[in-house]
Amino acid sequence: MLEAQFFDVLREALWAAVVMSTPILAVALVVGLAIGLFQALTSIQEMTLTFVPKVGAMLAVFWASMSFMTSTLTFFWTDHIIPLVAGS
């Protein structure tokens, strides 16, 4: 494997990881911001108030976007990794 080919596959792998993690991270950001605003407005400083809804929302989005993540990962493997293993 050439160095340029290795870096190209590494770049594509990192991009696939970014694309797959974007929905979960975006929901965590929005929910965290909303709960932080709620805490600032009501002066409630409870740690579980930030943690539990954020994890619940992230799990819901993970469940909803699981097919998208699987297809993205499958596309990456069939287009980049399997041809390298096969030697073509």
PDB file of N, CA and C in Angstrom:
ATOM      1  N   MET A   1       0.849  -1.175   0.000  1.00  0.00           N
ATOM      2  CA  MET A   1       0.000   0.000   0.000  1.00  0.00           C
ATOM      3  C   MET A   1       0.891   1.232   0.000  1.00  0.00           C
ATOM      4  N   LEU A   2       0.595   2.126  -0.886  1.00  0.00           N
ATOM      5  CA  LEU A   2       1.351   3.360  -0.975  1.00  0.00           C
ATOM      6  C   LEU A   2       0.937   4.322   0.128  1.00  0.00           C
ATOM      7  N   GLU A   3       1.831   5.241   0.418  1.00  0.00           N
ATOM      8  CA  GLU A   3       1.560   6.218   1.468  1.00  0.00           C
ATOM      9  C   GLU A   3       0.360   7.097   1.122  1.00  0.00           C
ATOM     10  N   ALA A   4       0.255   7.519  -0.107  1.00  0.00           N
ATOM     11  CA  ALA A   4      -0.876   8.353  -0.528  1.00  0.00           C
ATOM     12  C   ALA A   4      -2.189   7.590  -0.427  1.00  0.00           C
ATOM     13  N   GLN A   5      -2.168   6.334  -0.762  1.00  0.00           N
ATOM     14  CA  GLN A   5      -3.368   5.504  -0.664  1.00  0.00           C
ATOM     15  C   GLN A   5      -3.781   5.327   0.795  1.00  0.00           C
ATOM     16  N   PHE A   6      -2.809   5.129   1.674  1.00  0.00           N
ATOM     17  CA  PHE A   6      -3.092   4.997   3.107  1.00  0.00           C
ATOM     18  C   PHE A   6      -3.733   6.267   3.651  1.00  0.00           C
ATOM     19  N   PHE A   7      -3.187   7.412   3.302  1.00  0.00           N
ATOM     20  CA  PHE A   7      -3.733   8.666   3.810  1.00  0.00           C
ATOM     21  C   PHE A   7      -5.112   8.973   3.212  1.00  0.00           C
ATOM     22  N   ASP A   8      -5.333   8.539   1.977  1.00  0.00           N
ATOM     23  CA  ASP A   8      -6.651   8.719   1.375  1.00  0.00           C
ATOM     24  C   ASP A   8      -7.706   7.889   2.103  1.00  0.00           C
ATOM     25  N   VAL A   9      -7.383   6.638   2.421  1.00  0.00           N
ATOM     26  CA  VAL A   9      -8.312   5.784   3.159  1.00  0.00           C
ATOM     27  C   VAL A   9      -8.516   6.322   4.571  1.00  0.00           C
ATOM     28  N   LEU A  10      -7.461   6.810   5.203  1.00  0.00           N
ATOM     29  CA  LEU A  10      -7.577   7.392   6.543  1.00  0.00           C
ATOM     30  C   LEU A  10      -8.463   8.638   6.526  1.00  0.00           C
ATOM     31  N   ARG A  11      -8.302   9.475   5.512  1.00  0.00           N
ATOM     32  CA  ARG A  11      -9.134  10.672   5.381  1.00  0.00           C
ATOM     33  C   ARG A  11     -10.597  10.295   5.189  1.00  0.00           C
ATOM     34  N   GLU A  12     -10.863   9.309   4.362  1.00  0.00           N
ATOM     35  CA  GLU A  12     -12.237   8.859   4.145  1.00  0.00           C
ATOM     36  C   GLU A  12     -12.828   8.235   5.404  1.00  0.00           C
ATOM     37  N   ALA A  13     -12.013   7.524   6.173  1.00  0.00           N
ATOM     38  CA  ALA A  13     -12.491   6.922   7.422  1.00  0.00           C
ATOM     39  C   ALA A  13     -12.848   8.002   8.436  1.00  0.00           C
ATOM     40  N   LEU A  14     -12.031   9.018   8.541  1.00  0.00           N
ATOM     41  CA  LEU A  14     -12.324  10.116   9.463  1.00  0.00           C
ATOM     42  C   LEU A  14     -13.571  10.874   9.030  1.00  0.00           C
ATOM     43  N   TRP A  15     -13.740  11.049   7.726  1.00  0.00           N
ATOM     44  CA  TRP A  15     -14.936  11.744   7.245  1.00  0.00           C
ATOM     45  C   TRP A  15     -16.185  10.915   7.515  1.00  0.00           C
ATOM     46  N   ALA A  16     -16.100   9.608   7.340  1.00  0.00           N
ATOM     47  CA  ALA A  16     -17.238   8.730   7.643  1.00  0.00           C
ATOM     48  C   ALA A  16     -17.577   8.801   9.131  1.00  0.00           C
ATOM     49  N   ALA A  17     -16.565   8.859   9.987  1.00  0.00           N
ATOM     50  CA  ALA A  17     -16.811   8.972  11.430  1.00  0.00           C
ATOM     51  C   ALA A  17     -17.485  10.299  11.769  1.00  0.00           C
ATOM     52  N   VAL A  18     -17.073  11.365  11.119  1.00  0.00           N
ATOM     53  CA  VAL A  18     -17.692  12.674  11.354  1.00  0.00           C
ATOM     54  C   VAL A  18     -19.147  12.665  10.892  1.00  0.00           C
ATOM     55  N   VAL A  19     -19.404  12.106   9.725  1.00  0.00           N
ATOM     56  CA  VAL A  19     -20.769  12.068   9.192  1.00  0.00           C
ATOM     57  C   VAL A  19     -21.672  11.224  10.083  1.00  0.00           C
ATOM     58  N   MET A  20     -21.159  10.098  10.570  1.00  0.00           N
ATOM     59  CA  MET A  20     -21.985   9.224  11.399  1.00  0.00           C
ATOM     60  C   MET A  20     -22.241   9.803  12.786  1.00  0.00           C
ATOM     61  N   SER A  21     -21.316  10.585  13.314  1.00  0.00           N
ATOM     62  CA  SER A  21     -21.485  11.117  14.668  1.00  0.00           C
ATOM     63  C   SER A  21     -22.222  12.456  14.706  1.00  0.00           C
ATOM     64  N   THR A  22     -22.399  13.095  13.578  1.00  0.00           N
ATOM     65  CA  THR A  22     -23.031  14.410  13.546  1.00  0.00           C
ATOM     66  C   THR A  22     -24.449  14.448  14.118  1.00  0.00           C
ATOM     67  N   PRO A  23     -25.343  13.517  13.787  1.00  0.00           N
ATOM     68  CA  PRO A  23     -26.696  13.611  14.367  1.00  0.00           C
ATOM     69  C   PRO A  23     -26.711  13.521  15.888  1.00  0.00           C
ATOM     70  N   ILE A  24     -25.930  12.624  16.451  1.00  0.00           N
ATOM     71  CA  ILE A  24     -25.907  12.450  17.902  1.00  0.00           C
ATOM     72  C   ILE A  24     -25.307  13.680  18.580  1.00  0.00           C
ATOM     73  N   LEU A  25     -24.218  14.180  18.036  1.00  0.00           N
ATOM     74  CA  LEU A  25     -23.576  15.346  18.645  1.00  0.00           C
ATOM     75  C   LEU A  25     -24.435  16.598  18.513  1.00  0.00           C
ATOM     76  N   ALA A  26     -25.141  16.734  17.405  1.00  0.00           N
ATOM     77  CA  ALA A  26     -26.013  17.900  17.230  1.00  0.00           C
ATOM     78  C   ALA A  26     -27.156  17.879  18.233  1.00  0.00           C
ATOM     79  N   VAL A  27     -27.743  16.705  18.456  1.00  0.00           N
ATOM     80  CA  VAL A  27     -28.824  16.602  19.437  1.00  0.00           C
ATOM     81  C   VAL A  27     -28.305  16.851  20.840  1.00  0.00           C
ATOM     82  N   ALA A  28     -27.122  16.341  21.159  1.00  0.00           N
ATOM     83  CA  ALA A  28     -26.544  16.595  22.481  1.00  0.00           C
ATOM     84  C   ALA A  28     -26.307  18.086  22.693  1.00  0.00           C
ATOM     85  N   LEU A  29     -25.866  18.778  21.656  1.00  0.00           N
ATOM     86  CA  LEU A  29     -25.649  20.218  21.750  1.00  0.00           C
ATOM     87  C   LEU A  29     -26.955  20.969  21.967  1.00  0.00           C
ATOM     88  N   VAL A  30     -27.977  20.647  21.200  1.00  0.00           N
ATOM     89  CA  VAL A  30     -29.254  21.356  21.301  1.00  0.00           C
ATOM     90  C   VAL A  30     -29.919  21.090  22.649  1.00  0.00           C
ATOM     91  N   VAL A  31     -29.940  19.822  23.079  1.00  0.00           N
ATOM     92  CA  VAL A  31     -30.565  19.489  24.361  1.00  0.00           C
ATOM     93  C   VAL A  31     -29.780  20.102  25.514  1.00  0.00           C
ATOM     94  N   GLY A  32     -28.469  20.060  25.446  1.00  0.00           N
ATOM     95  CA  GLY A  32     -27.652  20.675  26.491  1.00  0.00           C
ATOM     96  C   GLY A  32     -27.866  22.174  26.573  1.00  0.00           C
ATOM     97  N   LEU A  33     -27.984  22.814  25.429  1.00  0.00           N
ATOM     98  CA  LEU A  33     -28.235  24.253  25.413  1.00  0.00           C
ATOM     99  C   LEU A  33     -29.609  24.582  25.981  1.00  0.00           C
ATOM    100  N   ALA A  34     -30.614  23.798  25.611  1.00  0.00           N
ATOM    101  CA  ALA A  34     -31.969  24.043  26.121  1.00  0.00           C
ATOM    102  C   ALA A  34     -32.044  23.819  27.634  1.00  0.00           C
ATOM    103  N   ILE A  35     -31.416  22.776  28.117  1.00  0.00           N
ATOM    104  CA  ILE A  35     -31.444  22.510  29.555  1.00  0.00           C
ATOM    105  C   ILE A  35     -30.606  23.532  30.310  1.00  0.00           C
ATOM    106  N   GLY A  36     -29.509  23.953  29.744  1.00  0.00           N
ATOM    107  CA  GLY A  36     -28.725  25.007  30.372  1.00  0.00           C
ATOM    108  C   GLY A  36     -29.489  26.313  30.475  1.00  0.00           C
ATOM    109  N   LEU A  37     -30.240  26.643  29.437  1.00  0.00           N
ATOM    110  CA  LEU A  37     -31.084  27.835  29.467  1.00  0.00           C
ATOM    111  C   LEU A  37     -32.177  27.696  30.521  1.00  0.00           C
ATOM    112  N   PHE A  38     -32.787  26.510  30.589  1.00  0.00           N
ATOM    113  CA  PHE A  38     -33.810  26.249  31.598  1.00  0.00           C
ATOM    114  C   PHE A  38     -33.230  26.377  33.002  1.00  0.00           C
ATOM    115  N   GLN A  39     -32.039  25.851  33.227  1.00  0.00           N
ATOM    116  CA  GLN A  39     -31.406  25.942  34.538  1.00  0.00           C
ATOM    117  C   GLN A  39     -31.064  27.383  34.886  1.00  0.00           C
ATOM    118  N   ALA A  40     -30.633  28.148  33.919  1.00  0.00           N
ATOM    119  CA  ALA A  40     -30.301  29.550  34.185  1.00  0.00           C
ATOM    120  C   ALA A  40     -31.553  30.362  34.498  1.00  0.00           C
ATOM    121  N   LEU A  41     -32.643  30.047  33.847  1.00  0.00           N
ATOM    122  CA  LEU A  41     -33.881  30.792  34.078  1.00  0.00           C
ATOM    123  C   LEU A  41     -34.535  30.440  35.410  1.00  0.00           C
ATOM    124  N   THR A  42     -34.388  29.188  35.843  1.00  0.00           N
ATOM    125  CA  THR A  42     -35.068  28.756  37.062  1.00  0.00           C
ATOM    126  C   THR A  42     -34.140  28.639  38.265  1.00  0.00           C
ATOM    127  N   SER A  43     -32.858  28.828  38.084  1.00  0.00           N
ATOM    128  CA  SER A  43     -31.841  28.705  39.143  1.00  0.00           C
ATOM    129  C   SER A  43     -31.810  27.314  39.759  1.00  0.00           C
ATOM    130  N   ILE A  44     -32.173  26.300  38.990  1.00  0.00           N
ATOM    131  CA  ILE A  44     -32.062  24.909  39.440  1.00  0.00           C
ATOM    132  C   ILE A  44     -30.710  24.394  38.958  1.00  0.00           C
ATOM    133  N   GLN A  45     -29.866  23.980  39.882  1.00  0.00           N
ATOM    134  CA  GLN A  45     -28.536  23.487  39.529  1.00  0.00           C
ATOM    135  C   GLN A  45     -28.402  22.018  39.911  1.00  0.00           C
ATOM    136  N   GLU A  46     -29.118  21.175  39.238  1.00  0.00           N
ATOM    137  CA  GLU A  46     -29.093  19.743  39.503  1.00  0.00           C
ATOM    138  C   GLU A  46     -28.354  19.045  38.359  1.00  0.00           C
ATOM    139  N   MET A  47     -27.357  18.222  38.698  1.00  0.00           N
ATOM    140  CA  MET A  47     -26.536  17.575  37.669  1.00  0.00           C
ATOM    141  C   MET A  47     -27.321  16.531  36.883  1.00  0.00           C
ATOM    142  N   THR A  48     -28.234  15.816  37.536  1.00  0.00           N
ATOM    143  CA  THR A  48     -28.991  14.803  36.809  1.00  0.00           C
ATOM    144  C   THR A  48     -29.969  15.438  35.833  1.00  0.00           C
ATOM    145  N   LEU A  49     -30.334  16.685  36.058  1.00  0.00           N
ATOM    146  CA  LEU A  49     -31.232  17.377  35.138  1.00  0.00           C
ATOM    147  C   LEU A  49     -30.566  17.584  33.778  1.00  0.00           C
ATOM    148  N   THR A  50     -29.264  17.718  33.752  1.00  0.00           N
ATOM    149  CA  THR A  50     -28.567  17.871  32.475  1.00  0.00           C
ATOM    150  C   THR A  50     -28.211  16.532  31.866  1.00  0.00           C
ATOM    151  N   PHE A  51     -27.887  15.556  32.695  1.00  0.00           N
ATOM    152  CA  PHE A  51     -27.364  14.293  32.188  1.00  0.00           C
ATOM    153  C   PHE A  51     -28.448  13.383  31.615  1.00  0.00           C
ATOM    154  N   VAL A  52     -29.489  13.151  32.357  1.00  0.00           N
ATOM    155  CA  VAL A  52     -30.500  12.162  31.970  1.00  0.00           C
ATOM    156  C   VAL A  52     -31.238  12.540  30.678  1.00  0.00           C
ATOM    157  N   PRO A  53     -31.755  13.750  30.522  1.00  0.00           N
ATOM    158  CA  PRO A  53     -32.426  14.068  29.248  1.00  0.00           C
ATOM    159  C   PRO A  53     -31.482  14.050  28.045  1.00  0.00           C
ATOM    160  N   LYS A  54     -30.246  14.467  28.273  1.00  0.00           N
ATOM    161  CA  LYS A  54     -29.284  14.481  27.170  1.00  0.00           C
ATOM    162  C   LYS A  54     -28.984  13.059  26.706  1.00  0.00           C
ATOM    163  N   VAL A  55     -28.767  12.151  27.648  1.00  0.00           N
ATOM    164  CA  VAL A  55     -28.495  10.761  27.281  1.00  0.00           C
ATOM    165  C   VAL A  55     -29.725  10.129  26.635  1.00  0.00           C
ATOM    166  N   GLY A  56     -30.905  10.432  27.157  1.00  0.00           N
ATOM    167  CA  GLY A  56     -32.123   9.904  26.554  1.00  0.00           C
ATOM    168  C   GLY A  56     -32.319  10.376  25.128  1.00  0.00           C
ATOM    169  N   ALA A  57     -32.084  11.652  24.880  1.00  0.00           N
ATOM    170  CA  ALA A  57     -32.222  12.195  23.527  1.00  0.00           C
ATOM    171  C   ALA A  57     -31.168  11.602  22.591  1.00  0.00           C
ATOM    172  N   MET A  58     -29.956  11.422  23.098  1.00  0.00           N
ATOM    173  CA  MET A  58     -28.911  10.832  22.268  1.00  0.00           C
ATOM    174  C   MET A  58     -29.237   9.380  21.914  1.00  0.00           C
ATOM    175  N   LEU A  59     -29.779   8.627  22.858  1.00  0.00           N
ATOM    176  CA  LEU A  59     -30.169   7.245  22.574  1.00  0.00           C
ATOM    177  C   LEU A  59     -31.309   7.193  21.557  1.00  0.00           C
ATOM    178  N   ALA A  60     -32.257   8.106  21.679  1.00  0.00           N
ATOM    179  CA  ALA A  60     -33.369   8.135  20.725  1.00  0.00           C
ATOM    180  C   ALA A  60     -32.876   8.462  19.314  1.00  0.00           C
ATOM    181  N   VAL A  61     -31.973   9.424  19.202  1.00  0.00           N
ATOM    182  CA  VAL A  61     -31.438   9.785  17.887  1.00  0.00           C
ATOM    183  C   VAL A  61     -30.558   8.665  17.342  1.00  0.00           C
ATOM    184  N   PHE A  62     -29.810   8.006  18.216  1.00  0.00           N
ATOM    185  CA  PHE A  62     -29.001   6.877  17.773  1.00  0.00           C
ATOM    186  C   PHE A  62     -29.890   5.776  17.205  1.00  0.00           C
ATOM    187  N   TRP A  63     -30.981   5.490  17.895  1.00  0.00           N
ATOM    188  CA  TRP A  63     -31.900   4.462  17.431  1.00  0.00           C
ATOM    189  C   TRP A  63     -32.536   4.865  16.101  1.00  0.00           C
ATOM    190  N   ALA A  64     -32.900   6.139  15.971  1.00  0.00           N
ATOM    191  CA  ALA A  64     -33.551   6.609  14.749  1.00  0.00           C
ATOM    192  C   ALA A  64     -32.592   6.662  13.561  1.00  0.00           C
ATOM    193  N   SER A  65     -31.325   6.947  13.794  1.00  0.00           N
ATOM    194  CA  SER A  65     -30.369   7.092  12.695  1.00  0.00           C
ATOM    195  C   SER A  65     -29.455   5.883  12.535  1.00  0.00           C
ATOM    196  N   MET A  66     -29.813   4.778  13.147  1.00  0.00           N
ATOM    197  CA  MET A  66     -28.971   3.589  13.059  1.00  0.00           C
ATOM    198  C   MET A  66     -28.858   3.063  11.630  1.00  0.00           C
ATOM    199  N   SER A  67     -29.922   3.106  10.859  1.00  0.00           N
ATOM    200  CA  SER A  67     -29.854   2.620   9.472  1.00  0.00           C
ATOM    201  C   SER A  67     -28.959   3.517   8.624  1.00  0.00           C
ATOM    202  N   PHE A  68     -29.012   4.828   8.863  1.00  0.00           N
ATOM    203  CA  PHE A  68     -28.132   5.757   8.152  1.00  0.00           C
ATOM    204  C   PHE A  68     -26.666   5.480   8.478  1.00  0.00           C
ATOM    205  N   MET A  69     -26.383   5.259   9.750  1.00  0.00           N
ATOM    206  CA  MET A  69     -25.001   4.981  10.156  1.00  0.00           C
ATOM    207  C   MET A  69     -24.511   3.656   9.580  1.00  0.00           C
ATOM    208  N   THR A  70     -25.374   2.661   9.571  1.00  0.00           N
ATOM    209  CA  THR A  70     -24.995   1.358   9.026  1.00  0.00           C
ATOM    210  C   THR A  70     -24.734   1.444   7.528  1.00  0.00           C
ATOM    211  N   SER A  71     -25.568   2.160   6.813  1.00  0.00           N
ATOM    212  CA  SER A  71     -25.352   2.282   5.367  1.00  0.00           C
ATOM    213  C   SER A  71     -24.089   3.083   5.061  1.00  0.00           C
ATOM    214  N   THR A  72     -23.804   4.102   5.855  1.00  0.00           N
ATOM    215  CA  THR A  72     -22.576   4.876   5.662  1.00  0.00           C
ATOM    216  C   THR A  72     -21.343   4.014   5.896  1.00  0.00           C
ATOM    217  N   LEU A  73     -21.366   3.224   6.959  1.00  0.00           N
ATOM    218  CA  LEU A  73     -20.229   2.364   7.268  1.00  0.00           C
ATOM    219  C   LEU A  73     -20.081   1.240   6.236  1.00  0.00           C
ATOM    220  N   THR A  74     -21.188   0.696   5.783  1.00  0.00           N
ATOM    221  CA  THR A  74     -21.143  -0.348   4.759  1.00  0.00           C
ATOM    222  C   THR A  74     -20.600   0.200   3.446  1.00  0.00           C
ATOM    223  N   PHE A  75     -21.038   1.403   3.082  1.00  0.00           N
ATOM    224  CA  PHE A  75     -20.528   2.043   1.866  1.00  0.00           C
ATOM    225  C   PHE A  75     -19.025   2.268   1.961  1.00  0.00           C
ATOM    226  N   PHE A  76     -18.550   2.720   3.117  1.00  0.00           N
ATOM    227  CA  PHE A  76     -17.117   2.948   3.291  1.00  0.00           C
ATOM    228  C   PHE A  76     -16.344   1.645   3.135  1.00  0.00           C
ATOM    229  N   TRP A  77     -16.813   0.582   3.779  1.00  0.00           N
ATOM    230  CA  TRP A  77     -16.106  -0.697   3.711  1.00  0.00           C
ATOM    231  C   TRP A  77     -16.106  -1.260   2.295  1.00  0.00           C
ATOM    232  N   THR A  78     -17.253  -1.220   1.611  1.00  0.00           N
ATOM    233  CA  THR A  78     -17.301  -1.814   0.270  1.00  0.00           C
ATOM    234  C   THR A  78     -16.535  -0.986  -0.756  1.00  0.00           C
ATOM    235  N   ASP A  79     -16.429   0.307  -0.559  1.00  0.00           N
ATOM    236  CA  ASP A  79     -15.717   1.148  -1.522  1.00  0.00           C
ATOM    237  C   ASP A  79     -14.227   1.296  -1.242  1.00  0.00           C
ATOM    238  N   HIS A  80     -13.806   1.188   0.017  1.00  0.00           N
ATOM    239  CA  HIS A  80     -12.414   1.492   0.346  1.00  0.00           C
ATOM    240  C   HIS A  80     -11.640   0.322   0.948  1.00  0.00           C
ATOM    241  N   ILE A  81     -12.209  -0.347   1.921  1.00  0.00           N
ATOM    242  CA  ILE A  81     -11.448  -1.356   2.648  1.00  0.00           C
ATOM    243  C   ILE A  81     -11.403  -2.685   1.897  1.00  0.00           C
ATOM    244  N   ILE A  82     -12.540  -3.170   1.426  1.00  0.00           N
ATOM    245  CA  ILE A  82     -12.564  -4.478   0.751  1.00  0.00           C
ATOM    246  C   ILE A  82     -11.715  -4.488  -0.515  1.00  0.00           C
ATOM    247  N   PRO A  83     -11.720  -3.445  -1.351  1.00  0.00           N
ATOM    248  CA  PRO A  83     -10.790  -3.458  -2.499  1.00  0.00           C
ATOM    249  C   PRO A  83      -9.322  -3.490  -2.081  1.00  0.00           C
ATOM    250  N   LEU A  84      -8.984  -2.882  -0.940  1.00  0.00           N
ATOM    251  CA  LEU A  84      -7.587  -2.958  -0.481  1.00  0.00           C
ATOM    252  C   LEU A  84      -7.239  -4.361  -0.035  1.00  0.00           C
ATOM    253  N   VAL A  85      -8.173  -5.022   0.654  1.00  0.00           N
ATOM    254  CA  VAL A  85      -7.914  -6.386   1.104  1.00  0.00           C
ATOM    255  C   VAL A  85      -7.843  -7.335  -0.093  1.00  0.00           C
ATOM    256  N   ALA A  86      -8.704  -7.123  -1.076  1.00  0.00           N
ATOM    257  CA  ALA A  86      -8.717  -7.976  -2.264  1.00  0.00           C
ATOM    258  C   ALA A  86      -7.522  -7.717  -3.164  1.00  0.00           C
ATOM    259  N   GLY A  87      -6.916  -6.558  -3.014  1.00  0.00           N
ATOM    260  CA  GLY A  87      -5.713  -6.253  -3.794  1.00  0.00           C
ATOM    261  C   GLY A  87      -5.986  -5.621  -5.132  1.00  0.00           C
ATOM    262  N   SER A  88      -7.141  -5.004  -5.307  1.00  0.00           N
ATOM    263  CA  SER A  88      -7.423  -4.391  -6.608  1.00  0.00           C
ATOM    264  C   SER A  88      -7.343  -2.902  -6.564  1.00  0.00           C
TER     265      SER A  88
END
